[in-house]
Amino acid sequence: MSVLPPNASPQMRALEQAVAVPPLPDRTIRDYWDPYRCPEYLLPWLAWSFSVDNWDAGWPIAVRRAVIASSIEIHRRKGTLAAVEQAISAFGAAIAIREWWQSDPPAERGTFNVVLSLAAVDGAPPSEEYLTSVIREIERTKPLSRHFTFTQGLEAKAAPAMAMAARPVAYARLRFSAVSAPEIDLSNVLSDPDSGAFLTDPDSGQLLTAPVPV
């Protein structure tokens, strides 16, 4: 809405538009401090304000908002298993924690086991980077003196008449070394384009196995 008189010159109207204050968005200051109402492009700054220590712009928007919303309460409980449960729930995961004295037989003193079921992320199985973020969150919020083992169960949903399964994956700090596979001598394999491949005796040339289609 212009405040200039009807007979204002074009120069005056151009100057009015140049110095005009853009309208404020339809939000209040309270909205910008609300993790669930803050604009997405401002979430990294809101996460910094809430002292979020583990952040990835590639997470789904719902996870990023939940991580910010739970940050203050996690800092209050940090160093407890309750903080671990709350931190992991922000990633949309179901978690079960079993301490060493709850195992039968009891596990190593001062340890606990985490069984985590991760839902699909945007319709796809959780990536290695996403799983690493979850494990990092456990390490960040757990009691400092405790060590843990990690087992992953993948949640799967299927339509009627289709099968689904969960595969546990053990997580531990292990070192692996690559071992070369033994070389296989294929010099005694004769290939026949019509009937397939034949295994023959290299000395006599006699057929040793039935044809295997290729």
Foldseek 3Di string as FASTA:
>chain_A
DDPDDPPDDPVVVVVCVVPPDDDDPPDDPVQCQQLVRNDPVCLVVSQVVLVQPQDDNPAPSQLSSLSSVCSNVLVVQFAAVVSLCSNLVSQVKDKDKAAQVNDVVGDPPQEIEIEIEHEAGVPHRDDPVRVVSSVVSNCRRHRVSYYYKYWYWYDDDDDPPDDDGTDIDIDDPDDDDDDDDDDDDPPQWDADQPQAIFRADPVPRDTDDDHDHD
